[in-house]
């Protein structure tokens, strides 16, 4: 009976599946981008390649952190809403940073062509 009561107190349960799905899909896209990006030359130098790489690594780290946070079962239940809001902010930051890296690379390739 305690297990059922714990599930009833789980305030982020309804957000878990969509956030895990979105995070997994985005991680797949980022890793696919990285696999082709690593093989290509950066047209405007090494510094911008490091910026793009840093954006990708930061985005991946944030998204893996989101997976950990959303799948964690022993989060502070009395602060469930704040916990989810922080997780959502980390998710959005990771997506934006990764997008910035892709955008920089696309812009460099556009101007080099």
Foldseek 3Di string as FASTA:
>chain_A
DVVVVLVVLQPCVVVLPVLVVVLVVVLVVLVVVVVVVVVDDQQPDDVLVVLLVVLSVLLNVLSVVLNCLSPDSPDPSVCNVVSVVVSVVSNVSSVVSNVVSVVSRVVRVVVVD
